[in-house]
C-alpha atoms as a PDB file:
ATOM      1  CA  CYS A   1       0.078  -0.183   0.260  1.00  0.00           C
ATOM      2  CA  GLY A   2       1.085   3.802  -0.717  1.00  0.00           C
ATOM      3  CA  GLU A   3       1.140   6.398   2.180  1.00  0.00           C
ATOM      4  CA  MET A   4       1.647  10.170   1.858  1.00  0.00           C
ATOM      5  CA  THR A   5       2.141  12.256   4.976  1.00  0.00           C
ATOM      6  CA  GLY A   6       1.115  15.930   5.494  1.00  0.00           C
ATOM      7  CA  MET A   7      -2.557  15.251   4.060  1.00  0.00           C
ATOM      8  CA  ALA A   8      -4.470  16.250   6.986  1.00  0.00           C
ATOM      9  CA  TRP A   9      -2.850  19.670   7.063  1.00  0.00           C
ATOM     10  CA  LEU A  10      -3.150  19.845   3.128  1.00  0.00           C
ATOM     11  CA  ALA A  11      -6.865  19.065   3.082  1.00  0.00           C
ATOM     12  CA  GLU A  12      -7.179  21.835   6.122  1.00  0.00           C
ATOM     13  CA  GLN A  13      -4.868  24.592   4.803  1.00  0.00           C
ATOM     14  CA  GLY A  14      -4.901  23.938   1.099  1.00  0.00           C
ATOM     15  CA  LEU A  15      -1.474  25.339   0.835  1.00  0.00           C
ATOM     16  CA  LEU A  16       1.987  24.041  -0.065  1.00  0.00           C
ATOM     17  CA  GLY A  17       5.054  25.569   1.561  1.00  0.00           C
ATOM     18  CA  ALA A  18       7.619  23.020   0.633  1.00  0.00           C
ATOM     19  CA  PRO A  19       9.172  20.440  -1.987  1.00  0.00           C
ATOM     20  CA  ILE A  20       6.925  16.974  -2.323  1.00  0.00           C
ATOM     21  CA  CYS A  21       9.473  13.764  -2.143  1.00  0.00           C
ATOM     22  CA  ILE A  22       8.776  10.532  -2.957  1.00  0.00           C
ATOM     23  CA  THR A  23      10.448   7.687  -1.390  1.00  0.00           C
ATOM     24  CA  ASN A  24      10.755   3.912  -0.321  1.00  0.00           C
ATOM     25  CA  THR A  25       8.285   2.659   2.226  1.00  0.00           C
ATOM     26  CA  TYR A  26      10.804   2.244   5.096  1.00  0.00           C
ATOM     27  CA  SER A  27      12.240   5.832   4.176  1.00  0.00           C
ATOM     28  CA  THR A  28       8.910   8.041   4.420  1.00  0.00           C
ATOM     29  CA  GLY A  29       9.683   9.723   8.008  1.00  0.00           C
ATOM     30  CA  LEU A  30      13.538  10.014   7.109  1.00  0.00           C
ATOM     31  CA  VAL A  31      12.717  11.926   4.002  1.00  0.00           C
ATOM     32  CA  ARG A  32       9.664  13.660   5.310  1.00  0.00           C
ATOM     33  CA  ASP A  33      12.117  15.021   8.429  1.00  0.00           C
ATOM     34  CA  ALA A  34      14.959  16.057   5.852  1.00  0.00           C
ATOM     35  CA  ILE A  35      12.116  18.219   4.300  1.00  0.00           C
ATOM     36  CA  CYS A  36      11.752  19.636   7.753  1.00  0.00           C
ATOM     37  CA  ALA A  37      15.909  19.989   8.041  1.00  0.00           C
ATOM     38  CA  LEU A  38      16.219  21.964   4.615  1.00  0.00           C
ATOM     39  CA  ALA A  39      13.384  24.268   5.796  1.00  0.00           C
ATOM     40  CA  VAL A  40      14.945  25.132   9.077  1.00  0.00           C
ATOM     41  CA  ARG A  41      18.118  25.476   7.171  1.00  0.00           C
ATOM     42  CA  GLU A  42      17.016  27.621   4.721  1.00  0.00           C
ATOM     43  CA  GLY A  43      15.499  30.076   6.959  1.00  0.00           C
ATOM     44  CA  ALA A  44      11.829  29.514   5.946  1.00  0.00           C
ATOM     45  CA  THR A  45       9.604  31.413   7.543  1.00  0.00           C
ATOM     46  CA  GLN A  46       6.827  28.932   8.364  1.00  0.00           C
ATOM     47  CA  PRO A  47       6.227  28.458  12.372  1.00  0.00           C
ATOM     48  CA  PHE A  48       6.100  24.593  11.734  1.00  0.00           C
ATOM     49  CA  HIS A  49       6.821  22.542   8.962  1.00  0.00           C
ATOM     50  CA  LEU A  50       3.993  19.201   8.030  1.00  0.00           C
ATOM     51  CA  PRO A  51       5.584  18.577   4.631  1.00  0.00           C
ATOM     52  CA  VAL A  52       4.413  15.539   2.038  1.00  0.00           C
ATOM     53  CA  ALA A  53       6.216  12.327   1.892  1.00  0.00           C
ATOM     54  CA  ALA A  54       4.975   9.534  -0.454  1.00  0.00           C
ATOM     55  CA  GLU A  55       6.126   5.989  -0.861  1.00  0.00           C
ATOM     56  CA  THR A  56       5.850   2.833  -2.442  1.00  0.00           C
ATOM     57  CA  TYR A  57       7.590  -0.539  -1.505  1.00  0.00           C
ATOM     58  CA  ASP A  58      10.864  -1.804  -3.210  1.00  0.00           C
ATOM     59  CA  GLY A  59      11.709  -4.566  -0.442  1.00  0.00           C
ATOM     60  CA  TRP A  60      11.393  -7.184  -3.277  1.00  0.00           C
ATOM     61  CA  LEU A  61      14.407  -5.573  -4.873  1.00  0.00           C
ATOM     62  CA  SER A  62      15.958  -3.627  -2.305  1.00  0.00           C
ATOM     63  CA  GLU A  63      16.916  -4.649   1.437  1.00  0.00           C
ATOM     64  CA  SER A  64      14.800  -1.900   2.616  1.00  0.00           C
ATOM     65  CA  GLU A  65      15.135  -3.826   6.307  1.00  0.00           C
ATOM     66  CA  ARG A  66      18.740  -2.115   5.831  1.00  0.00           C
ATOM     67  CA  PHE A  67      17.149   1.523   5.295  1.00  0.00           C
ATOM     68  CA  PRO A  68      19.976   2.477   2.771  1.00  0.00           C
ATOM     69  CA  VAL A  69      18.413   5.647   2.828  1.00  0.00           C
ATOM     70  CA  SER A  70      19.955   8.405   4.742  1.00  0.00           C
ATOM     71  CA  THR A  71      19.000  11.954   5.712  1.00  0.00           C
ATOM     72  CA  ALA A  72      22.773  13.226   3.892  1.00  0.00           C
ATOM     73  CA  LEU A  73      21.099  11.654   0.567  1.00  0.00           C
ATOM     74  CA  ALA A  74      17.205  12.756   0.841  1.00  0.00           C
ATOM     75  CA  LEU A  75      19.381  16.208   1.213  1.00  0.00           C
ATOM     76  CA  ALA A  76      21.575  15.892  -1.460  1.00  0.00           C
ATOM     77  CA  ALA A  77      18.733  14.975  -3.673  1.00  0.00           C
ATOM     78  CA  LEU A  78      16.691  18.431  -2.361  1.00  0.00           C
ATOM     79  CA  ASP A  79      19.613  20.108  -2.999  1.00  0.00           C
ATOM     80  CA  SER A  80      20.739  18.820  -6.643  1.00  0.00           C
ATOM     81  CA  ALA A  81      16.744  19.611  -7.930  1.00  0.00           C
ATOM     82  CA  THR A  82      16.795  21.832 -10.982  1.00  0.00           C
ATOM     83  CA  SER A  83      14.305  22.680 -13.726  1.00  0.00           C
ATOM     84  CA  GLY A  84      14.223  21.016 -17.498  1.00  0.00           C
ATOM     85  CA  PRO A  85      14.135  17.247 -18.072  1.00  0.00           C
ATOM     86  CA  ILE A  86      13.905  14.388 -15.362  1.00  0.00           C
ATOM     87  CA  ALA A  87      15.401  11.054 -15.608  1.00  0.00           C
ATOM     88  CA  GLU A  88      13.191   8.739 -15.690  1.00  0.00           C
ATOM     89  CA  GLY A  89      13.219   4.672 -14.654  1.00  0.00           C
ATOM     90  CA  ASN A  90      15.503   3.195 -12.535  1.00  0.00           C
ATOM     91  CA  VAL A  91      16.218   6.573 -10.257  1.00  0.00           C
ATOM     92  CA  GLY A  92      15.254   7.999  -6.836  1.00  0.00           C
ATOM     93  CA  GLY A  93      12.775   6.634  -5.499  1.00  0.00           C
ATOM     94  CA  GLY A  94      11.677   4.743  -8.713  1.00  0.00           C
ATOM     95  CA  THR A  95      14.819   2.469  -8.310  1.00  0.00           C
ATOM     96  CA  GLY A  96      13.373  -0.507  -7.343  1.00  0.00           C
ATOM     97  CA  MET A  97       9.808  -0.487  -8.409  1.00  0.00           C
ATOM     98  CA  ILE A  98       7.855  -2.924 -10.437  1.00  0.00           C
ATOM     99  CA  CYS A  99       5.107  -2.153 -12.739  1.00  0.00           C
ATOM    100  CA  HIS A 100       2.915  -4.404 -14.419  1.00  0.00           C
ATOM    101  CA  GLU A 101       5.439  -6.901 -13.755  1.00  0.00           C
ATOM    102  CA  PHE A 102       7.831  -5.116 -15.781  1.00  0.00           C
ATOM    103  CA  LYS A 103      10.528  -2.856 -14.068  1.00  0.00           C
ATOM    104  CA  GLY A 104       8.813   0.329 -13.513  1.00  0.00           C
ATOM    105  CA  GLY A 105       9.799   3.155 -11.764  1.00  0.00           C
ATOM    106  CA  THR A 106      10.076   7.130 -12.256  1.00  0.00           C
ATOM    107  CA  GLY A 107       8.001   8.582 -15.456  1.00  0.00           C
ATOM    108  CA  THR A 108       6.791  12.282 -16.608  1.00  0.00           C
ATOM    109  CA  ALA A 109       5.057  13.493 -18.785  1.00  0.00           C
ATOM    110  CA  SER A 110       2.989  16.840 -19.643  1.00  0.00           C
ATOM    111  CA  ARG A 111       0.008  18.539 -21.674  1.00  0.00           C
ATOM    112  CA  GLN A 112      -0.455  22.075 -22.445  1.00  0.00           C
ATOM    113  CA  VAL A 113      -3.829  23.583 -23.058  1.00  0.00           C
ATOM    114  CA  VAL A 114      -5.833  26.980 -24.448  1.00  0.00           C
ATOM    115  CA  GLU A 115      -8.131  28.252 -22.255  1.00  0.00           C
ATOM    116  CA  ALA A 116      -9.579  32.070 -22.494  1.00  0.00           C
ATOM    117  CA  GLY A 117      -6.456  32.629 -24.578  1.00  0.00           C
ATOM    118  CA  ALA A 118      -3.733  31.669 -22.114  1.00  0.00           C
ATOM    119  CA  THR A 119      -1.749  28.772 -22.234  1.00  0.00           C
ATOM    120  CA  TYR A 120      -1.438  26.736 -19.287  1.00  0.00           C
ATOM    121  CA  THR A 121       0.696  22.981 -18.845  1.00  0.00           C
ATOM    122  CA  VAL A 122      -0.383  20.309 -16.624  1.00  0.00           C
ATOM    123  CA  GLY A 123       2.794  17.986 -15.765  1.00  0.00           C
ATOM    124  CA  ALA A 124       2.918  14.367 -14.136  1.00  0.00           C
ATOM    125  CA  LEU A 125       5.440  12.756 -12.061  1.00  0.00           C
ATOM    126  CA  VAL A 126       4.760   9.169 -10.920  1.00  0.00           C
ATOM    127  CA  GLN A 127       6.526   6.469  -9.544  1.00  0.00           C
ATOM    128  CA  ALA A 128       4.906   3.253 -10.687  1.00  0.00           C
ATOM    129  CA  ASN A 129       4.964   0.302  -8.523  1.00  0.00           C
ATOM    130  CA  TYR A 130       1.704  -1.674  -9.264  1.00  0.00           C
ATOM    131  CA  GLY A 131      -0.218  -3.938 -11.694  1.00  0.00           C
ATOM    132  CA  SER A 132      -0.485  -7.173 -13.364  1.00  0.00           C
ATOM    133  CA  ARG A 133       1.094  -8.627 -16.717  1.00  0.00           C
ATOM    134  CA  SER A 134      -2.187  -9.288 -18.139  1.00  0.00           C
ATOM    135  CA  HIS A 135      -4.096  -6.076 -17.692  1.00  0.00           C
ATOM    136  CA  LEU A 136      -0.897  -4.044 -19.451  1.00  0.00           C
ATOM    137  CA  ARG A 137      -2.674  -2.121 -22.067  1.00  0.00           C
ATOM    138  CA  VAL A 138      -1.544   0.837 -24.362  1.00  0.00           C
ATOM    139  CA  ASP A 139      -3.365   3.052 -26.442  1.00  0.00           C
ATOM    140  CA  GLY A 140      -6.270   0.381 -25.908  1.00  0.00           C
ATOM    141  CA  VAL A 141      -3.844  -2.595 -27.084  1.00  0.00           C
ATOM    142  CA  PRO A 142      -3.467  -5.516 -24.461  1.00  0.00           C
ATOM    143  CA  VAL A 143       0.173  -5.779 -25.037  1.00  0.00           C
ATOM    144  CA  GLY A 144       0.468  -7.247 -21.407  1.00  0.00           C
ATOM    145  CA  ARG A 145      -1.326 -10.230 -22.824  1.00  0.00           C
ATOM    146  CA  ALA A 146       1.444 -10.698 -25.911  1.00  0.00           C
ATOM    147  CA  ILE A 147       4.246 -10.012 -24.086  1.00  0.00           C
ATOM    148  CA  GLY A 148       3.283 -12.861 -21.324  1.00  0.00           C
ATOM    149  CA  PRO A 149       5.729 -14.377 -18.993  1.00  0.00           C
ATOM    150  CA  ASP A 150       6.389 -17.203 -21.320  1.00  0.00           C
ATOM    151  CA  ARG A 151       8.169 -14.402 -23.859  1.00  0.00           C
ATOM    152  CA  VAL A 152       9.485 -12.292 -20.859  1.00  0.00           C
ATOM    153  CA  PRO A 153       9.578 -14.214 -17.195  1.00  0.00           C
ATOM    154  CA  SER A 154       7.713 -12.433 -14.809  1.00  0.00           C
ATOM    155  CA  HIS A 155       9.122 -12.030 -10.633  1.00  0.00           C
ATOM    156  CA  ARG A 156       5.768 -13.574  -9.918  1.00  0.00           C
ATOM    157  CA  THR A 157       4.601 -17.290  -9.754  1.00  0.00           C
ATOM    158  CA  MET A 158       0.840 -16.298  -9.176  1.00  0.00           C
ATOM    159  CA  PRO A 159      -0.840 -13.201 -10.496  1.00  0.00           C
ATOM    160  CA  ARG A 160      -1.183 -10.582  -7.933  1.00  0.00           C
ATOM    161  CA  GLU A 161      -2.950  -7.109  -8.145  1.00  0.00           C
ATOM    162  CA  ALA A 162      -1.573  -5.323  -5.149  1.00  0.00           C
ATOM    163  CA  GLY A 163       0.940  -2.697  -5.354  1.00  0.00           C
ATOM    164  CA  SER A 164       0.821   1.219  -5.409  1.00  0.00           C
ATOM    165  CA  ILE A 165       1.338   4.194  -7.642  1.00  0.00           C
ATOM    166  CA  ILE A 166       2.132   7.990  -6.517  1.00  0.00           C
ATOM    167  CA  VAL A 167       0.622  10.438  -8.956  1.00  0.00           C
ATOM    168  CA  VAL A 168       2.149  14.018  -8.385  1.00  0.00           C
ATOM    169  CA  LEU A 169       0.447  16.885 -10.591  1.00  0.00           C
ATOM    170  CA  ALA A 170       1.271  20.145 -11.293  1.00  0.00           C
ATOM    171  CA  THR A 171      -0.383  23.367 -12.658  1.00  0.00           C
ATOM    172  CA  ASP A 172       0.556  26.988 -13.661  1.00  0.00           C
ATOM    173  CA  ALA A 173      -3.060  27.202 -14.083  1.00  0.00           C
ATOM    174  CA  PRO A 174      -4.622  29.544 -11.622  1.00  0.00           C
ATOM    175  CA  LEU A 175      -6.658  26.700  -9.306  1.00  0.00           C
ATOM    176  CA  LEU A 176      -7.755  27.015  -5.850  1.00  0.00           C
ATOM    177  CA  PRO A 177      -7.357  24.264  -3.648  1.00  0.00           C
ATOM    178  CA  ILE A 178     -10.573  22.567  -4.164  1.00  0.00           C
ATOM    179  CA  GLN A 179     -10.314  23.013  -7.960  1.00  0.00           C
ATOM    180  CA  CYS A 180      -6.530  20.810  -7.148  1.00  0.00           C
ATOM    181  CA  GLN A 181      -8.310  18.195  -5.506  1.00  0.00           C
ATOM    182  CA  ARG A 182     -10.629  17.783  -8.594  1.00  0.00           C
ATOM    183  CA  LEU A 183      -7.626  17.837 -10.751  1.00  0.00           C
ATOM    184  CA  ALA A 184      -6.186  15.132  -8.894  1.00  0.00           C
ATOM    185  CA  ARG A 185      -8.966  12.804  -8.684  1.00  0.00           C
ATOM    186  CA  ARG A 186      -8.600  12.550 -13.176  1.00  0.00           C
ATOM    187  CA  ALA A 187      -5.093  10.928 -12.594  1.00  0.00           C
ATOM    188  CA  THR A 188      -7.543   7.920 -11.844  1.00  0.00           C
ATOM    189  CA  THR A 189      -8.552   7.881 -15.561  1.00  0.00           C
ATOM    190  CA  GLY A 190      -4.837   7.867 -16.983  1.00  0.00           C
ATOM    191  CA  LEU A 191      -4.383   4.910 -14.489  1.00  0.00           C
ATOM    192  CA  ALA A 192      -6.775   2.838 -15.751  1.00  0.00           C
ATOM    193  CA  TRP A 193      -5.784   3.369 -19.303  1.00  0.00           C
ATOM    194  CA  VAL A 194      -2.589   1.504 -18.855  1.00  0.00           C
ATOM    195  CA  GLY A 195      -4.334  -1.108 -16.624  1.00  0.00           C
ATOM    196  CA  GLY A 196      -4.347  -0.214 -13.166  1.00  0.00           C
ATOM    197  CA  HIS A 197      -7.647  -0.274 -11.372  1.00  0.00           C
ATOM    198  CA  GLY A 198      -6.837   0.252  -7.699  1.00  0.00           C
ATOM    199  CA  ALA A 199      -6.697  -3.481  -6.514  1.00  0.00           C
ATOM    200  CA  ASN A 200      -6.988  -4.568  -2.866  1.00  0.00           C
ATOM    201  CA  GLY A 201      -3.576  -3.533  -1.285  1.00  0.00           C
ATOM    202  CA  SER A 202      -3.054  -1.192  -3.752  1.00  0.00           C
ATOM    203  CA  GLY A 203      -1.980   2.105  -2.702  1.00  0.00           C
ATOM    204  CA  ASP A 204      -3.126   4.442  -5.861  1.00  0.00           C
ATOM    205  CA  LEU A 205      -2.499   8.094  -4.105  1.00  0.00           C
ATOM    206  CA  PHE A 206      -2.667  11.453  -6.470  1.00  0.00           C
ATOM    207  CA  ILE A 207      -2.048  15.111  -5.574  1.00  0.00           C
ATOM    208  CA  ALA A 208      -2.137  18.435  -7.722  1.00  0.00           C
ATOM    209  CA  PHE A 209      -0.964  21.601  -6.903  1.00  0.00           C
ATOM    210  CA  SER A 210      -0.735  24.962  -8.735  1.00  0.00           C
ATOM    211  CA  THR A 211       1.664  27.319  -8.921  1.00  0.00           C
ATOM    212  CA  ALA A 212      -0.151  30.204  -9.822  1.00  0.00           C
ATOM    213  CA  ASN A 213      -1.223  31.859  -6.978  1.00  0.00           C
ATOM    214  CA  ARG A 214       1.328  32.516  -3.983  1.00  0.00           C
ATOM    215  CA  ILE A 215       0.133  33.031   0.011  1.00  0.00           C
ATOM    216  CA  ARG A 216       2.163  35.000   1.984  1.00  0.00           C
ATOM    217  CA  GLN A 217       1.460  34.209   5.692  1.00  0.00           C
ATOM    218  CA  ALA A 218       2.397  37.558   6.667  1.00  0.00           C
ATOM    219  CA  ASP A 219      -0.755  38.949   4.655  1.00  0.00           C
ATOM    220  CA  ALA A 220      -3.927  39.070   6.481  1.00  0.00           C
ATOM    221  CA  VAL A 221      -5.813  39.233   3.000  1.00  0.00           C
ATOM    222  CA  SER A 222      -4.089  37.381  -0.339  1.00  0.00           C
ATOM    223  CA  ALA A 223      -5.549  38.114  -3.674  1.00  0.00           C
ATOM    224  CA  VAL A 224      -6.033  34.896  -5.900  1.00  0.00           C
ATOM    225  CA  GLN A 225      -7.077  33.913  -9.034  1.00  0.00           C
ATOM    226  CA  MET A 226      -9.285  30.705 -10.172  1.00  0.00           C
ATOM    227  CA  LEU A 227     -10.128  29.301 -13.678  1.00  0.00           C
ATOM    228  CA  ALA A 228     -13.977  29.427 -14.134  1.00  0.00           C
ATOM    229  CA  PRO A 229     -15.010  25.508 -13.346  1.00  0.00           C
ATOM    230  CA  SER A 230     -16.405  25.371 -17.229  1.00  0.00           C
ATOM    231  CA  ALA A 231     -13.242  25.533 -18.285  1.00  0.00           C
ATOM    232  CA  MET A 232     -11.189  22.666 -16.263  1.00  0.00           C
ATOM    233  CA  SER A 233     -12.253  20.022 -18.347  1.00  0.00           C
ATOM    234  CA  SER A 234      -8.900  20.262 -21.049  1.00  0.00           C
ATOM    235  CA  LEU A 235      -6.934  20.121 -17.841  1.00  0.00           C
ATOM    236  CA  PHE A 236      -8.726  17.054 -16.750  1.00  0.00           C
ATOM    237  CA  LEU A 237      -8.054  15.107 -20.262  1.00  0.00           C
ATOM    238  CA  ALA A 238      -4.653  16.853 -19.868  1.00  0.00           C
ATOM    239  CA  ALA A 239      -4.031  15.335 -16.329  1.00  0.00           C
ATOM    240  CA  ALA A 240      -5.427  12.130 -17.454  1.00  0.00           C
ATOM    241  CA  GLU A 241      -2.798  11.842 -20.841  1.00  0.00           C
ATOM    242  CA  ALA A 242       0.036  13.129 -18.664  1.00  0.00           C
ATOM    243  CA  THR A 243      -0.689  10.262 -16.481  1.00  0.00           C
ATOM    244  CA  GLU A 244      -0.824   7.577 -18.929  1.00  0.00           C
ATOM    245  CA  GLU A 245       2.126   8.955 -20.921  1.00  0.00           C
ATOM    246  CA  ALA A 246       4.163   8.749 -17.423  1.00  0.00           C
ATOM    247  CA  ILE A 247       3.888   5.567 -16.578  1.00  0.00           C
ATOM    248  CA  LEU A 248       4.787   4.377 -19.682  1.00  0.00           C
ATOM    249  CA  ASN A 249       7.571   6.158 -19.583  1.00  0.00           C
ATOM    250  CA  ALA A 250       8.488   4.982 -16.240  1.00  0.00           C
ATOM    251  CA  LEU A 251       7.967   1.859 -18.070  1.00  0.00           C
ATOM    252  CA  CYS A 252      10.065   2.101 -21.427  1.00  0.00           C
ATOM    253  CA  ALA A 253      13.064   3.977 -19.349  1.00  0.00           C
ATOM    254  CA  ALA A 254      13.652   1.508 -16.741  1.00  0.00           C
ATOM    255  CA  PRO A 255      16.012  -1.394 -17.639  1.00  0.00           C
ATOM    256  CA  THR A 256      16.153  -4.956 -16.400  1.00  0.00           C
ATOM    257  CA  MET A 257      17.644  -4.732 -12.873  1.00  0.00           C
ATOM    258  CA  THR A 258      19.034  -7.555 -10.112  1.00  0.00           C
ATOM    259  CA  GLY A 259      18.603  -6.587  -6.979  1.00  0.00           C
ATOM    260  CA  ARG A 260      18.804  -8.543  -3.579  1.00  0.00           C
ATOM    261  CA  ASP A 261      19.181 -11.957  -3.163  1.00  0.00           C
ATOM    262  CA  GLY A 262      19.563 -12.394  -7.118  1.00  0.00           C
ATOM    263  CA  ARG A 263      16.145 -11.639  -7.925  1.00  0.00           C
ATOM    264  CA  THR A 264      15.630 -10.067 -11.545  1.00  0.00           C
ATOM    265  CA  VAL A 265      12.879  -8.152 -12.720  1.00  0.00           C
ATOM    266  CA  TYR A 266      12.872  -7.630 -16.951  1.00  0.00           C
ATOM    267  CA  ALA A 267      12.336  -4.138 -18.626  1.00  0.00           C
ATOM    268  CA  LEU A 268       9.459  -3.957 -20.913  1.00  0.00           C
ATOM    269  CA  PRO A 269      11.097  -4.896 -24.358  1.00  0.00           C
ATOM    270  CA  HIS A 270      10.813  -2.384 -26.828  1.00  0.00           C
ATOM    271  CA  ASP A 271      11.124  -4.590 -29.662  1.00  0.00           C
ATOM    272  CA  LEU A 272       8.366  -6.266 -28.608  1.00  0.00           C
ATOM    273  CA  LEU A 273       6.187  -3.327 -27.047  1.00  0.00           C
ATOM    274  CA  LEU A 274       6.306  -2.116 -31.003  1.00  0.00           C
ATOM    275  CA  ALA A 275       5.730  -5.481 -32.728  1.00  0.00           C
ATOM    276  CA  ALA A 276       2.342  -5.879 -30.022  1.00  0.00           C
ATOM    277  CA  MET A 277       1.347  -2.429 -30.996  1.00  0.00           C
ATOM    278  CA  GLN A 278       1.786  -3.310 -35.031  1.00  0.00           C
ATOM    279  CA  ARG A 279      -0.279  -6.327 -35.280  1.00  0.00           C
END
């Protein structure tokens, strides 16, 4: 199952004041604390910090019980964050993840929409660690059935649905907190297009935020903007499409990995994927 810290405070306030981090299950608390340490180090003005840190489980490939993620590693990741292209596949929290019985991990994608003469972007970042082989679909094509365990071995002796995915959606469209909640729910559609359906034990967690409104705590009243609810349908489609593509990018970018005890999870082969799509 998946977990995400800070959600009670986010539901209460509707505001984010720190980075969002994604890691493995056993490191969630440490990474959450590292965000607080970063805020203290940088002299953040908030009187206290309840940041968002999320996780998916990597214990089949990683010796997670040895707690390999340290505060120093978490702070180094935060310090090295930059704008621009994002590494995908076996990177960061996505390193030990498995998706649809292929090697999974980190993926990202984005879409642009035009509303009222303005162009807005919706971006998705996923940590994909869920799903069975038979349910994997690409543009509706059942490629998971076409690339069965007889062609690419599965790490599972029996199909199992449990797993998790974290989806973070970001946009520069001016949205109020309740509109961000609406946007986050549309990640479900993109997940379903690929073949995820939120099975029992699968922690599928979504969060969305807007960078358009900046709130200063020192201000008694803040001027904010919001996109008309009737103009949000294009953002909903963008969120679904970006989520779908981000999952597929995670699958396509992650190479085969051998982890603890010699366990191997195989990559989704590009040649077999193309062949399945051309049928």
